[in-house]
Amino acid sequence: IKNYVELLNDPSISEEDKKSYLERLNQYTDRLSILITDLFEVSKANSGNIDLEYSDINIIEFMEQVCAENEELLQAKNLQLVTNLPEKEIHVCLDGNKTYRIFENLFTNISKYALENTRVFLDVKDIGNSVVIIMKNTSKEPLDFDSDITERFVRGDKSRHEAGSGLGLAIVKSFTEVQNGTFMIETDGDLFKSILSFHKS
């Protein structure tokens, strides 16, 4: 940003270059704004200093809504969503907005890093006092990260081809754990699996 501001202060630059620099400045400031907002969200969740509005949620209906609202994101990469949801209702006590953000981030992650023209699987399982939600996709890049990918600013794509803050999975983990849930990642070859668990109401 500083470099582009300095370039714009050069009186000899053309109007075309000036327009190009301003467009790039807009992109960088938008990205920085999102980064700062996400970082505050993670910090608040990790410190416990976050307002939660709990309500009784039918997680099956909730997941159907999340899937419908993120379908276009997957279709843009020719990803086919395959769901396995129990027919009965399963109720959990969660903050609807924070929980939606969890799955929005996971779908965004899948749309960025999944191999195109493959299937994405979403399973919801009723296990005793808990509900487990599993999302699986095939990675388009080798899964060779050797650190905790759910930590802040850690990314799976070391070459950083995709735009992003590196906070997506950190937010997923923080928002899950602040609601007394658990979030884990498992990999098997090119299979990337997100596993979330919440206590039932």
N, C-alpha and C. Protein backbone atom coordinates (compact mmCIF):
# COMPACT_ATOMS: atom_id res chain seq x y z
N ILE A 1 0.84 -1.20 0.00
CA ILE A 1 0.00 0.00 0.00
C ILE A 1 0.87 1.25 0.00
N LYS A 2 1.89 1.23 0.85
CA LYS A 2 2.79 2.39 0.94
C LYS A 2 3.48 2.64 -0.41
N ASN A 3 3.91 1.57 -1.06
CA ASN A 3 4.58 1.71 -2.36
C ASN A 3 3.67 2.35 -3.40
N TYR A 4 2.40 1.93 -3.42
CA TYR A 4 1.47 2.49 -4.40
C TYR A 4 1.14 3.95 -4.09
N VAL A 5 1.07 4.30 -2.82
CA VAL A 5 0.85 5.71 -2.45
C VAL A 5 2.02 6.57 -2.94
N GLU A 6 3.23 6.05 -2.79
CA GLU A 6 4.41 6.79 -3.27
C GLU A 6 4.39 6.94 -4.80
N LEU A 7 3.96 5.87 -5.48
CA LEU A 7 3.88 5.94 -6.94
C LEU A 7 2.84 6.98 -7.38
N LEU A 8 1.72 7.04 -6.66
CA LEU A 8 0.66 7.99 -7.01
C LEU A 8 1.08 9.44 -6.78
N ASN A 9 2.05 9.64 -5.91
CA ASN A 9 2.55 10.99 -5.65
C ASN A 9 3.52 11.48 -6.72
N ASP A 10 3.85 10.59 -7.64
CA ASP A 10 4.76 10.97 -8.73
C ASP A 10 3.95 11.73 -9.79
N PRO A 11 4.22 13.01 -10.00
CA PRO A 11 3.42 13.81 -10.96
C PRO A 11 3.58 13.37 -12.41
N SER A 12 4.58 12.54 -12.69
CA SER A 12 4.83 12.17 -14.09
C SER A 12 4.05 10.92 -14.53
N ILE A 13 3.34 10.26 -13.62
CA ILE A 13 2.64 9.02 -14.02
C ILE A 13 1.43 9.37 -14.88
N SER A 14 1.10 8.44 -15.78
CA SER A 14 -0.03 8.66 -16.68
C SER A 14 -1.35 8.39 -15.96
N GLU A 15 -2.45 8.87 -16.56
CA GLU A 15 -3.78 8.64 -15.98
C GLU A 15 -4.12 7.15 -15.97
N GLU A 16 -3.65 6.46 -16.99
CA GLU A 16 -3.91 5.01 -17.06
C GLU A 16 -3.22 4.28 -15.91
N ASP A 17 -1.95 4.64 -15.66
CA ASP A 17 -1.23 4.02 -14.54
C ASP A 17 -1.87 4.40 -13.20
N LYS A 18 -2.28 5.66 -13.11
CA LYS A 18 -2.91 6.12 -11.87
C LYS A 18 -4.18 5.30 -11.57
N LYS A 19 -4.98 5.07 -12.60
CA LYS A 19 -6.20 4.28 -12.43
C LYS A 19 -5.88 2.85 -12.00
N SER A 20 -4.84 2.27 -12.62
CA SER A 20 -4.42 0.91 -12.28
C SER A 20 -3.94 0.82 -10.84
N TYR A 21 -3.16 1.81 -10.40
CA TYR A 21 -2.64 1.82 -9.03
C TYR A 21 -3.77 1.97 -8.01
N LEU A 22 -4.75 2.81 -8.34
CA LEU A 22 -5.88 3.01 -7.43
C LEU A 22 -6.71 1.74 -7.28
N GLU A 23 -6.88 1.00 -8.39
CA GLU A 23 -7.62 -0.26 -8.33
C GLU A 23 -6.90 -1.26 -7.43
N ARG A 24 -5.58 -1.32 -7.56
CA ARG A 24 -4.81 -2.23 -6.72
C ARG A 24 -4.84 -1.79 -5.26
N LEU A 25 -4.78 -0.49 -5.03
CA LEU A 25 -4.88 0.03 -3.66
C LEU A 25 -6.22 -0.37 -3.03
N ASN A 26 -7.29 -0.26 -3.81
CA ASN A 26 -8.61 -0.66 -3.31
C ASN A 26 -8.62 -2.13 -2.93
N GLN A 27 -8.03 -2.97 -3.77
CA GLN A 27 -7.99 -4.41 -3.50
C GLN A 27 -7.23 -4.70 -2.21
N TYR A 28 -6.08 -4.05 -2.05
CA TYR A 28 -5.25 -4.30 -0.87
C TYR A 28 -5.92 -3.79 0.41
N THR A 29 -6.56 -2.62 0.33
CA THR A 29 -7.21 -2.09 1.54
C THR A 29 -8.44 -2.91 1.91
N ASP A 30 -9.18 -3.41 0.90
CA ASP A 30 -10.31 -4.30 1.20
C ASP A 30 -9.83 -5.57 1.88
N ARG A 31 -8.74 -6.13 1.35
CA ARG A 31 -8.19 -7.36 1.93
C ARG A 31 -7.70 -7.12 3.35
N LEU A 32 -7.07 -5.97 3.57
CA LEU A 32 -6.57 -5.64 4.90
C LEU A 32 -7.71 -5.44 5.89
N SER A 33 -8.79 -4.83 5.43
CA SER A 33 -9.96 -4.62 6.28
C SER A 33 -10.55 -5.95 6.74
N ILE A 34 -10.67 -6.89 5.80
CA ILE A 34 -11.19 -8.22 6.14
C ILE A 34 -10.24 -8.92 7.11
N LEU A 35 -8.95 -8.80 6.85
CA LEU A 35 -7.94 -9.43 7.71
C LEU A 35 -8.06 -8.92 9.15
N ILE A 36 -8.17 -7.61 9.31
CA ILE A 36 -8.25 -7.02 10.65
C ILE A 36 -9.52 -7.47 11.36
N THR A 37 -10.64 -7.47 10.63
CA THR A 37 -11.91 -7.91 11.22
C THR A 37 -11.82 -9.37 11.67
N ASP A 38 -11.26 -10.22 10.80
CA ASP A 38 -11.12 -11.64 11.14
C ASP A 38 -10.20 -11.84 12.33
N LEU A 39 -9.11 -11.07 12.37
CA LEU A 39 -8.16 -11.21 13.47
C LEU A 39 -8.80 -10.82 14.80
N PHE A 40 -9.60 -9.75 14.80
CA PHE A 40 -10.32 -9.36 16.02
C PHE A 40 -11.29 -10.45 16.45
N GLU A 41 -11.98 -11.06 15.47
CA GLU A 41 -12.95 -12.12 15.80
C GLU A 41 -12.25 -13.30 16.46
N VAL A 42 -11.12 -13.71 15.90
CA VAL A 42 -10.37 -14.84 16.46
C VAL A 42 -9.86 -14.49 17.86
N SER A 43 -9.32 -13.28 18.01
CA SER A 43 -8.77 -12.86 19.30
C SER A 43 -9.85 -12.82 20.37
N LYS A 44 -11.02 -12.29 20.02
CA LYS A 44 -12.13 -12.22 20.98
C LYS A 44 -12.60 -13.62 21.38
N ALA A 45 -12.71 -14.49 20.39
CA ALA A 45 -13.16 -15.86 20.68
C ALA A 45 -12.15 -16.58 21.56
N ASN A 46 -10.87 -16.43 21.25
CA ASN A 46 -9.83 -17.13 22.02
C ASN A 46 -9.72 -16.61 23.45
N SER A 47 -10.05 -15.34 23.65
CA SER A 47 -9.97 -14.76 25.00
C SER A 47 -11.27 -14.96 25.77
N GLY A 48 -12.31 -15.45 25.09
CA GLY A 48 -13.61 -15.61 25.73
C GLY A 48 -14.40 -14.33 25.79
N ASN A 49 -13.85 -13.25 25.24
CA ASN A 49 -14.50 -11.94 25.27
C ASN A 49 -15.35 -11.75 24.02
N ILE A 50 -16.37 -12.60 23.88
CA ILE A 50 -17.20 -12.58 22.68
C ILE A 50 -18.65 -12.77 23.08
N ASP A 51 -19.53 -12.01 22.48
CA ASP A 51 -20.96 -12.10 22.79
C ASP A 51 -21.58 -13.22 21.96
N LEU A 52 -22.23 -14.15 22.65
CA LEU A 52 -22.89 -15.26 21.98
C LEU A 52 -24.39 -15.19 22.25
N GLU A 53 -25.18 -15.37 21.22
CA GLU A 53 -26.64 -15.39 21.35
C GLU A 53 -27.13 -16.80 21.07
N TYR A 54 -27.21 -17.59 22.13
CA TYR A 54 -27.58 -18.99 21.98
C TYR A 54 -29.07 -19.14 21.70
N SER A 55 -29.38 -20.12 20.87
CA SER A 55 -30.77 -20.49 20.63
C SER A 55 -30.82 -21.97 20.28
N ASP A 56 -31.99 -22.55 20.38
CA ASP A 56 -32.17 -23.96 20.04
C ASP A 56 -32.27 -24.10 18.53
N ILE A 57 -31.34 -24.86 17.94
CA ILE A 57 -31.26 -24.99 16.49
C ILE A 57 -31.42 -26.46 16.09
N ASN A 58 -32.29 -26.70 15.12
CA ASN A 58 -32.35 -28.02 14.49
C ASN A 58 -31.21 -28.07 13.49
N ILE A 59 -30.15 -28.78 13.84
CA ILE A 59 -28.92 -28.75 13.03
C ILE A 59 -29.14 -29.33 11.63
N ILE A 60 -30.11 -30.21 11.47
CA ILE A 60 -30.38 -30.79 10.14
C ILE A 60 -30.94 -29.70 9.22
N GLU A 61 -31.93 -28.99 9.70
CA GLU A 61 -32.51 -27.89 8.92
C GLU A 61 -31.47 -26.79 8.68
N PHE A 62 -30.67 -26.53 9.69
CA PHE A 62 -29.62 -25.51 9.59
C PHE A 62 -28.62 -25.88 8.50
N MET A 63 -28.17 -27.14 8.47
CA MET A 63 -27.20 -27.56 7.48
C MET A 63 -27.78 -27.56 6.07
N GLU A 64 -29.06 -27.88 5.94
CA GLU A 64 -29.72 -27.81 4.63
C GLU A 64 -29.69 -26.37 4.10
N GLN A 65 -29.93 -25.41 5.01
CA GLN A 65 -29.90 -24.00 4.62
C GLN A 65 -28.49 -23.57 4.23
N VAL A 66 -27.49 -23.97 5.03
CA VAL A 66 -26.10 -23.63 4.73
C VAL A 66 -25.69 -24.19 3.37
N CYS A 67 -26.05 -25.43 3.11
CA CYS A 67 -25.70 -26.06 1.83
C CYS A 67 -26.34 -25.32 0.66
N ALA A 68 -27.62 -24.96 0.82
CA ALA A 68 -28.33 -24.26 -0.26
C ALA A 68 -27.70 -22.91 -0.56
N GLU A 69 -27.28 -22.21 0.50
CA GLU A 69 -26.75 -20.86 0.32
C GLU A 69 -25.31 -20.86 -0.20
N ASN A 70 -24.63 -22.01 -0.11
CA ASN A 70 -23.24 -22.09 -0.59
C ASN A 70 -23.11 -22.95 -1.85
N GLU A 71 -24.24 -23.36 -2.39
CA GLU A 71 -24.23 -24.25 -3.56
C GLU A 71 -23.55 -23.61 -4.76
N GLU A 72 -23.85 -22.32 -5.01
CA GLU A 72 -23.26 -21.65 -6.17
C GLU A 72 -21.74 -21.58 -6.07
N LEU A 73 -21.24 -21.44 -4.85
CA LEU A 73 -19.80 -21.38 -4.61
C LEU A 73 -19.13 -22.66 -5.12
N LEU A 74 -19.77 -23.80 -4.85
CA LEU A 74 -19.23 -25.08 -5.29
C LEU A 74 -19.45 -25.30 -6.79
N GLN A 75 -20.62 -24.90 -7.27
CA GLN A 75 -20.93 -25.10 -8.69
C GLN A 75 -19.96 -24.34 -9.58
N ALA A 76 -19.46 -23.21 -9.10
CA ALA A 76 -18.51 -22.41 -9.87
C ALA A 76 -17.23 -23.19 -10.15
N LYS A 77 -16.93 -24.18 -9.31
CA LYS A 77 -15.74 -25.02 -9.50
C LYS A 77 -16.11 -26.44 -9.92
N ASN A 78 -17.36 -26.60 -10.36
CA ASN A 78 -17.86 -27.92 -10.79
C ASN A 78 -17.71 -28.97 -9.69
N LEU A 79 -18.01 -28.57 -8.48
CA LEU A 79 -17.96 -29.48 -7.33
C LEU A 79 -19.38 -29.93 -7.00
N GLN A 80 -19.55 -31.24 -6.89
CA GLN A 80 -20.88 -31.79 -6.59
C GLN A 80 -20.97 -32.11 -5.11
N LEU A 81 -21.96 -31.53 -4.43
CA LEU A 81 -22.15 -31.76 -3.01
C LEU A 81 -23.02 -32.98 -2.79
N VAL A 82 -22.52 -33.91 -1.99
CA VAL A 82 -23.27 -35.12 -1.63
C VAL A 82 -23.50 -35.08 -0.12
N THR A 83 -24.77 -35.01 0.29
CA THR A 83 -25.08 -34.91 1.71
C THR A 83 -25.67 -36.21 2.24
N ASN A 84 -25.39 -36.48 3.48
CA ASN A 84 -25.97 -37.62 4.18
C ASN A 84 -26.47 -37.11 5.53
N LEU A 85 -27.75 -36.74 5.56
CA LEU A 85 -28.35 -36.13 6.75
C LEU A 85 -29.42 -37.05 7.32
N PRO A 86 -29.43 -37.23 8.63
CA PRO A 86 -30.50 -38.04 9.24
C PRO A 86 -31.86 -37.40 8.98
N GLU A 87 -32.89 -38.23 8.88
CA GLU A 87 -34.23 -37.71 8.62
C GLU A 87 -34.85 -37.09 9.86
N LYS A 88 -34.40 -37.51 11.04
CA LYS A 88 -34.95 -36.96 12.28
C LYS A 88 -34.31 -35.62 12.61
N GLU A 89 -34.97 -34.88 13.50
CA GLU A 89 -34.41 -33.61 13.95
C GLU A 89 -33.35 -33.86 15.02
N ILE A 90 -32.29 -33.04 14.99
CA ILE A 90 -31.26 -33.07 16.03
C ILE A 90 -31.08 -31.64 16.51
N HIS A 91 -31.32 -31.41 17.79
CA HIS A 91 -31.29 -30.06 18.32
C HIS A 91 -30.00 -29.78 19.09
N VAL A 92 -29.44 -28.61 18.81
CA VAL A 92 -28.24 -28.15 19.51
C VAL A 92 -28.47 -26.71 19.95
N CYS A 93 -27.79 -26.30 21.00
CA CYS A 93 -27.89 -24.94 21.49
C CYS A 93 -26.64 -24.18 21.05
N LEU A 94 -26.80 -23.34 20.03
CA LEU A 94 -25.66 -22.65 19.42
C LEU A 94 -26.03 -21.22 19.07
N ASP A 95 -25.01 -20.40 18.82
CA ASP A 95 -25.19 -19.08 18.26
C ASP A 95 -25.31 -19.24 16.74
N GLY A 96 -26.47 -18.93 16.19
CA GLY A 96 -26.72 -19.17 14.77
C GLY A 96 -25.76 -18.44 13.85
N ASN A 97 -25.47 -17.16 14.15
CA ASN A 97 -24.58 -16.38 13.27
C ASN A 97 -23.15 -16.91 13.29
N LYS A 98 -22.64 -17.20 14.49
CA LYS A 98 -21.26 -17.70 14.60
C LYS A 98 -21.16 -19.09 13.95
N THR A 99 -22.19 -19.90 14.13
CA THR A 99 -22.16 -21.25 13.55
C THR A 99 -22.26 -21.19 12.03
N TYR A 100 -23.06 -20.26 11.52
CA TYR A 100 -23.13 -20.10 10.06
C TYR A 100 -21.75 -19.69 9.52
N ARG A 101 -21.07 -18.81 10.25
CA ARG A 101 -19.74 -18.37 9.82
C ARG A 101 -18.77 -19.56 9.76
N ILE A 102 -18.90 -20.48 10.70
CA ILE A 102 -18.05 -21.68 10.71
C ILE A 102 -18.17 -22.41 9.38
N PHE A 103 -19.41 -22.70 8.98
CA PHE A 103 -19.61 -23.51 7.78
C PHE A 103 -19.42 -22.70 6.50
N GLU A 104 -19.68 -21.41 6.55
CA GLU A 104 -19.38 -20.55 5.41
C GLU A 104 -17.88 -20.58 5.12
N ASN A 105 -17.06 -20.51 6.18
CA ASN A 105 -15.61 -20.57 6.01
C ASN A 105 -15.16 -21.92 5.46
N LEU A 106 -15.78 -23.00 5.93
CA LEU A 106 -15.41 -24.33 5.44
C LEU A 106 -15.78 -24.50 3.97
N PHE A 107 -16.95 -24.01 3.57
CA PHE A 107 -17.34 -24.09 2.17
C PHE A 107 -16.43 -23.22 1.30
N THR A 108 -16.05 -22.04 1.81
CA THR A 108 -15.13 -21.17 1.07
C THR A 108 -13.79 -21.86 0.89
N ASN A 109 -13.32 -22.50 1.96
CA ASN A 109 -12.06 -23.23 1.91
C ASN A 109 -12.11 -24.34 0.85
N ILE A 110 -13.21 -25.07 0.84
CA ILE A 110 -13.38 -26.15 -0.14
C ILE A 110 -13.39 -25.59 -1.56
N SER A 111 -14.11 -24.48 -1.77
CA SER A 111 -14.20 -23.92 -3.12
C SER A 111 -12.83 -23.46 -3.63
N LYS A 112 -11.95 -23.05 -2.71
CA LYS A 112 -10.62 -22.60 -3.10
C LYS A 112 -9.66 -23.75 -3.38
N TYR A 113 -9.73 -24.79 -2.55
CA TYR A 113 -8.65 -25.78 -2.54
C TYR A 113 -9.04 -27.18 -3.03
N ALA A 114 -10.34 -27.41 -3.28
CA ALA A 114 -10.75 -28.74 -3.74
C ALA A 114 -10.44 -28.92 -5.22
N LEU A 115 -10.16 -30.14 -5.60
CA LEU A 115 -9.93 -30.49 -7.00
C LEU A 115 -11.24 -30.33 -7.77
N GLU A 116 -11.19 -29.57 -8.86
CA GLU A 116 -12.41 -29.34 -9.64
C GLU A 116 -12.94 -30.64 -10.22
N ASN A 117 -14.27 -30.64 -10.46
CA ASN A 117 -14.97 -31.80 -11.05
C ASN A 117 -14.92 -33.03 -10.14
N THR A 118 -14.92 -32.80 -8.82
CA THR A 118 -14.96 -33.91 -7.87
C THR A 118 -16.17 -33.73 -6.95
N ARG A 119 -16.38 -34.70 -6.08
CA ARG A 119 -17.49 -34.64 -5.14
C ARG A 119 -17.01 -34.14 -3.78
N VAL A 120 -17.90 -33.43 -3.12
CA VAL A 120 -17.69 -32.95 -1.75
C VAL A 120 -18.75 -33.63 -0.89
N PHE A 121 -18.32 -34.21 0.22
CA PHE A 121 -19.24 -34.98 1.06
C PHE A 121 -19.50 -34.26 2.38
N LEU A 122 -20.76 -34.24 2.78
CA LEU A 122 -21.14 -33.68 4.08
C LEU A 122 -22.02 -34.70 4.80
N ASP A 123 -21.55 -35.17 5.94
CA ASP A 123 -22.28 -36.15 6.75
C ASP A 123 -22.60 -35.56 8.11
N VAL A 124 -23.82 -35.77 8.58
CA VAL A 124 -24.20 -35.42 9.94
C VAL A 124 -24.56 -36.71 10.67
N LYS A 125 -23.92 -36.92 11.83
CA LYS A 125 -24.12 -38.16 12.58
C LYS A 125 -24.57 -37.87 14.00
N ASP A 126 -25.58 -38.61 14.42
CA ASP A 126 -26.09 -38.52 15.79
C ASP A 126 -25.33 -39.55 16.63
N ILE A 127 -24.48 -39.07 17.53
CA ILE A 127 -23.66 -39.98 18.33
C ILE A 127 -23.89 -39.70 19.81
N GLY A 128 -24.79 -40.42 20.42
CA GLY A 128 -25.04 -40.27 21.85
C GLY A 128 -25.48 -38.87 22.20
N ASN A 129 -24.69 -38.20 23.03
CA ASN A 129 -25.02 -36.84 23.47
C ASN A 129 -24.48 -35.77 22.53
N SER A 130 -23.88 -36.17 21.43
CA SER A 130 -23.26 -35.21 20.51
C SER A 130 -23.75 -35.40 19.08
N VAL A 131 -23.59 -34.35 18.29
CA VAL A 131 -23.80 -34.43 16.85
C VAL A 131 -22.46 -34.15 16.19
N VAL A 132 -22.10 -34.99 15.22
CA VAL A 132 -20.81 -34.85 14.53
C VAL A 132 -21.08 -34.49 13.07
N ILE A 133 -20.40 -33.47 12.59
CA ILE A 133 -20.55 -33.03 11.20
C ILE A 133 -19.19 -33.20 10.52
N ILE A 134 -19.19 -33.95 9.43
CA ILE A 134 -17.94 -34.25 8.71
C ILE A 134 -18.05 -33.73 7.28
N MET A 135 -17.04 -32.96 6.87
CA MET A 135 -16.98 -32.47 5.50
C MET A 135 -15.70 -33.01 4.87
N LYS A 136 -15.81 -33.60 3.67
CA LYS A 136 -14.66 -34.22 3.01
C LYS A 136 -14.56 -33.72 1.57
N ASN A 137 -13.33 -33.45 1.16
CA ASN A 137 -13.09 -33.08 -0.23
C ASN A 137 -11.71 -33.57 -0.66
N THR A 138 -11.52 -33.66 -1.98
CA THR A 138 -10.23 -34.03 -2.54
C THR A 138 -9.45 -32.77 -2.85
N SER A 139 -8.23 -32.67 -2.33
CA SER A 139 -7.41 -31.48 -2.52
C SER A 139 -6.80 -31.47 -3.92
N LYS A 140 -6.74 -30.25 -4.51
CA LYS A 140 -6.11 -30.15 -5.83
C LYS A 140 -4.59 -30.06 -5.73
N GLU A 141 -4.09 -29.74 -4.54
CA GLU A 141 -2.64 -29.67 -4.30
C GLU A 141 -2.25 -30.73 -3.28
N PRO A 142 -1.01 -31.20 -3.30
CA PRO A 142 -0.57 -32.17 -2.28
C PRO A 142 -0.74 -31.60 -0.88
N LEU A 143 -1.24 -32.42 0.03
CA LEU A 143 -1.43 -31.99 1.42
C LEU A 143 -0.14 -32.26 2.18
N ASP A 144 0.76 -31.27 2.11
CA ASP A 144 2.10 -31.49 2.68
C ASP A 144 2.42 -30.50 3.80
N PHE A 145 1.36 -29.87 4.39
CA PHE A 145 1.64 -28.95 5.48
C PHE A 145 2.09 -29.74 6.71
N ASP A 146 3.04 -29.19 7.45
CA ASP A 146 3.61 -29.91 8.58
C ASP A 146 3.40 -29.17 9.90
N SER A 147 2.49 -28.18 9.90
CA SER A 147 2.16 -27.48 11.13
C SER A 147 0.65 -27.47 11.29
N ASP A 148 0.18 -26.98 12.42
CA ASP A 148 -1.25 -26.97 12.67
C ASP A 148 -1.92 -25.94 11.77
N ILE A 149 -2.65 -26.41 10.78
CA ILE A 149 -3.25 -25.53 9.79
C ILE A 149 -4.38 -24.68 10.37
N THR A 150 -4.83 -25.01 11.58
CA THR A 150 -5.89 -24.22 12.20
C THR A 150 -5.33 -23.05 13.01
N GLU A 151 -4.00 -22.92 13.05
CA GLU A 151 -3.43 -21.77 13.74
C GLU A 151 -3.52 -20.53 12.85
N ARG A 152 -3.41 -19.36 13.46
CA ARG A 152 -3.52 -18.10 12.71
C ARG A 152 -2.43 -18.00 11.63
N PHE A 153 -2.85 -17.58 10.46
CA PHE A 153 -1.97 -17.29 9.32
C PHE A 153 -1.28 -18.52 8.74
N VAL A 154 -1.63 -19.71 9.20
CA VAL A 154 -1.06 -20.92 8.60
C VAL A 154 -1.95 -21.35 7.45
N ARG A 155 -1.31 -21.61 6.30
CA ARG A 155 -2.07 -22.00 5.11
C ARG A 155 -1.55 -23.32 4.56
N GLY A 156 -2.47 -24.04 3.92
CA GLY A 156 -2.09 -25.32 3.35
C GLY A 156 -1.37 -25.18 2.03
N ASP A 157 -1.67 -24.09 1.30
CA ASP A 157 -1.00 -23.89 0.00
C ASP A 157 0.23 -23.01 0.22
N LYS A 158 1.38 -23.63 0.35
CA LYS A 158 2.60 -22.90 0.69
C LYS A 158 2.98 -21.88 -0.38
N SER A 159 2.56 -22.14 -1.61
CA SER A 159 2.91 -21.21 -2.69
C SER A 159 2.00 -19.98 -2.69
N ARG A 160 0.91 -20.02 -1.90
CA ARG A 160 0.00 -18.88 -1.73
C ARG A 160 -0.56 -18.39 -3.07
N HIS A 161 -1.06 -19.30 -3.88
CA HIS A 161 -1.67 -18.89 -5.14
C HIS A 161 -3.03 -18.26 -4.92
N GLU A 162 -3.74 -18.70 -3.87
CA GLU A 162 -5.09 -18.22 -3.63
C GLU A 162 -5.07 -17.04 -2.67
N ALA A 163 -5.98 -16.08 -2.92
CA ALA A 163 -6.11 -14.95 -2.00
C ALA A 163 -6.74 -15.43 -0.70
N GLY A 164 -6.29 -14.88 0.42
CA GLY A 164 -6.87 -15.25 1.70
C GLY A 164 -5.98 -14.77 2.82
N SER A 165 -6.57 -14.69 4.01
CA SER A 165 -5.85 -14.15 5.15
C SER A 165 -5.09 -15.21 5.93
N GLY A 166 -5.43 -16.49 5.71
CA GLY A 166 -4.84 -17.54 6.54
C GLY A 166 -5.53 -17.66 7.88
N LEU A 167 -6.72 -17.03 8.01
CA LEU A 167 -7.46 -17.06 9.28
C LEU A 167 -8.74 -17.89 9.20
N GLY A 168 -9.07 -18.38 8.01
CA GLY A 168 -10.35 -19.08 7.83
C GLY A 168 -10.56 -20.23 8.79
N LEU A 169 -9.59 -21.15 8.86
CA LEU A 169 -9.73 -22.31 9.73
C LEU A 169 -9.51 -21.95 11.19
N ALA A 170 -8.73 -20.88 11.43
CA ALA A 170 -8.56 -20.41 12.82
C ALA A 170 -9.89 -19.92 13.36
N ILE A 171 -10.68 -19.25 12.52
CA ILE A 171 -12.00 -18.78 12.91
C ILE A 171 -12.92 -19.97 13.16
N VAL A 172 -12.87 -20.96 12.27
CA VAL A 172 -13.67 -22.17 12.45
C VAL A 172 -13.38 -22.81 13.80
N LYS A 173 -12.11 -22.98 14.10
CA LYS A 173 -11.71 -23.61 15.36
C LYS A 173 -12.15 -22.77 16.56
N SER A 174 -11.89 -21.46 16.52
CA SER A 174 -12.22 -20.58 17.64
C SER A 174 -13.73 -20.52 17.89
N PHE A 175 -14.52 -20.36 16.82
CA PHE A 175 -15.97 -20.25 16.97
C PHE A 175 -16.59 -21.57 17.40
N THR A 176 -15.95 -22.68 17.03
CA THR A 176 -16.44 -23.99 17.48
C THR A 176 -16.14 -24.20 18.95
N GLU A 177 -14.89 -23.94 19.33
CA GLU A 177 -14.48 -24.21 20.71
C GLU A 177 -15.12 -23.27 21.71
N VAL A 178 -15.40 -22.02 21.32
CA VAL A 178 -16.03 -21.08 22.24
C VAL A 178 -17.49 -21.51 22.52
N GLN A 179 -18.04 -22.38 21.66
CA GLN A 179 -19.38 -22.93 21.87
C GLN A 179 -19.30 -24.36 22.43
N ASN A 180 -18.16 -24.66 23.06
CA ASN A 180 -17.92 -25.95 23.71
C ASN A 180 -17.95 -27.13 22.74
N GLY A 181 -17.62 -26.86 21.48
CA GLY A 181 -17.51 -27.92 20.49
C GLY A 181 -16.06 -28.27 20.24
N THR A 182 -15.84 -29.21 19.34
CA THR A 182 -14.48 -29.58 18.95
C THR A 182 -14.35 -29.54 17.43
N PHE A 183 -13.15 -29.20 16.97
CA PHE A 183 -12.87 -29.15 15.54
C PHE A 183 -11.53 -29.81 15.27
N MET A 184 -11.54 -30.79 14.37
CA MET A 184 -10.31 -31.49 14.00
C MET A 184 -10.20 -31.58 12.50
N ILE A 185 -8.97 -31.74 12.04
CA ILE A 185 -8.71 -31.97 10.62
C ILE A 185 -7.95 -33.29 10.49
N GLU A 186 -8.38 -34.09 9.53
CA GLU A 186 -7.67 -35.33 9.21
C GLU A 186 -7.37 -35.33 7.72
N THR A 187 -6.23 -35.88 7.36
CA THR A 187 -5.89 -36.03 5.94
C THR A 187 -5.50 -37.47 5.66
N ASP A 188 -5.82 -37.92 4.47
CA ASP A 188 -5.46 -39.27 4.03
C ASP A 188 -5.16 -39.18 2.54
N GLY A 189 -3.87 -39.13 2.20
CA GLY A 189 -3.51 -38.89 0.80
C GLY A 189 -3.96 -37.50 0.41
N ASP A 190 -4.83 -37.42 -0.61
CA ASP A 190 -5.36 -36.13 -1.06
C ASP A 190 -6.72 -35.81 -0.44
N LEU A 191 -7.19 -36.65 0.49
CA LEU A 191 -8.48 -36.43 1.13
C LEU A 191 -8.32 -35.50 2.32
N PHE A 192 -9.07 -34.40 2.32
CA PHE A 192 -9.06 -33.42 3.41
C PHE A 192 -10.40 -33.53 4.13
N LYS A 193 -10.35 -33.74 5.42
CA LYS A 193 -11.56 -33.99 6.19
C LYS A 193 -11.64 -33.04 7.39
N SER A 194 -12.75 -32.31 7.50
CA SER A 194 -13.04 -31.45 8.65
C SER A 194 -14.07 -32.14 9.52
N ILE A 195 -13.80 -32.25 10.81
CA ILE A 195 -14.69 -32.95 11.73
C ILE A 195 -15.06 -32.02 12.88
N LEU A 196 -16.36 -31.73 13.00
CA LEU A 196 -16.86 -30.87 14.06
C LEU A 196 -17.83 -31.65 14.94
N SER A 197 -17.79 -31.35 16.22
CA SER A 197 -18.68 -32.03 17.16
C SER A 197 -19.28 -30.99 18.10
N PHE A 198 -20.61 -31.08 18.33
CA PHE A 198 -21.30 -30.20 19.26
C PHE A 198 -22.18 -31.05 20.17
N HIS A 199 -22.37 -30.56 21.41
CA HIS A 199 -23.26 -31.24 22.34
C HIS A 199 -24.70 -30.99 21.92
N LYS A 200 -25.53 -32.02 22.02
CA LYS A 200 -26.94 -31.86 21.71
C LYS A 200 -27.64 -31.13 22.85
N SER A 201 -28.76 -30.49 22.51
CA SER A 201 -29.53 -29.78 23.54
C SER A 201 -30.06 -30.78 24.57
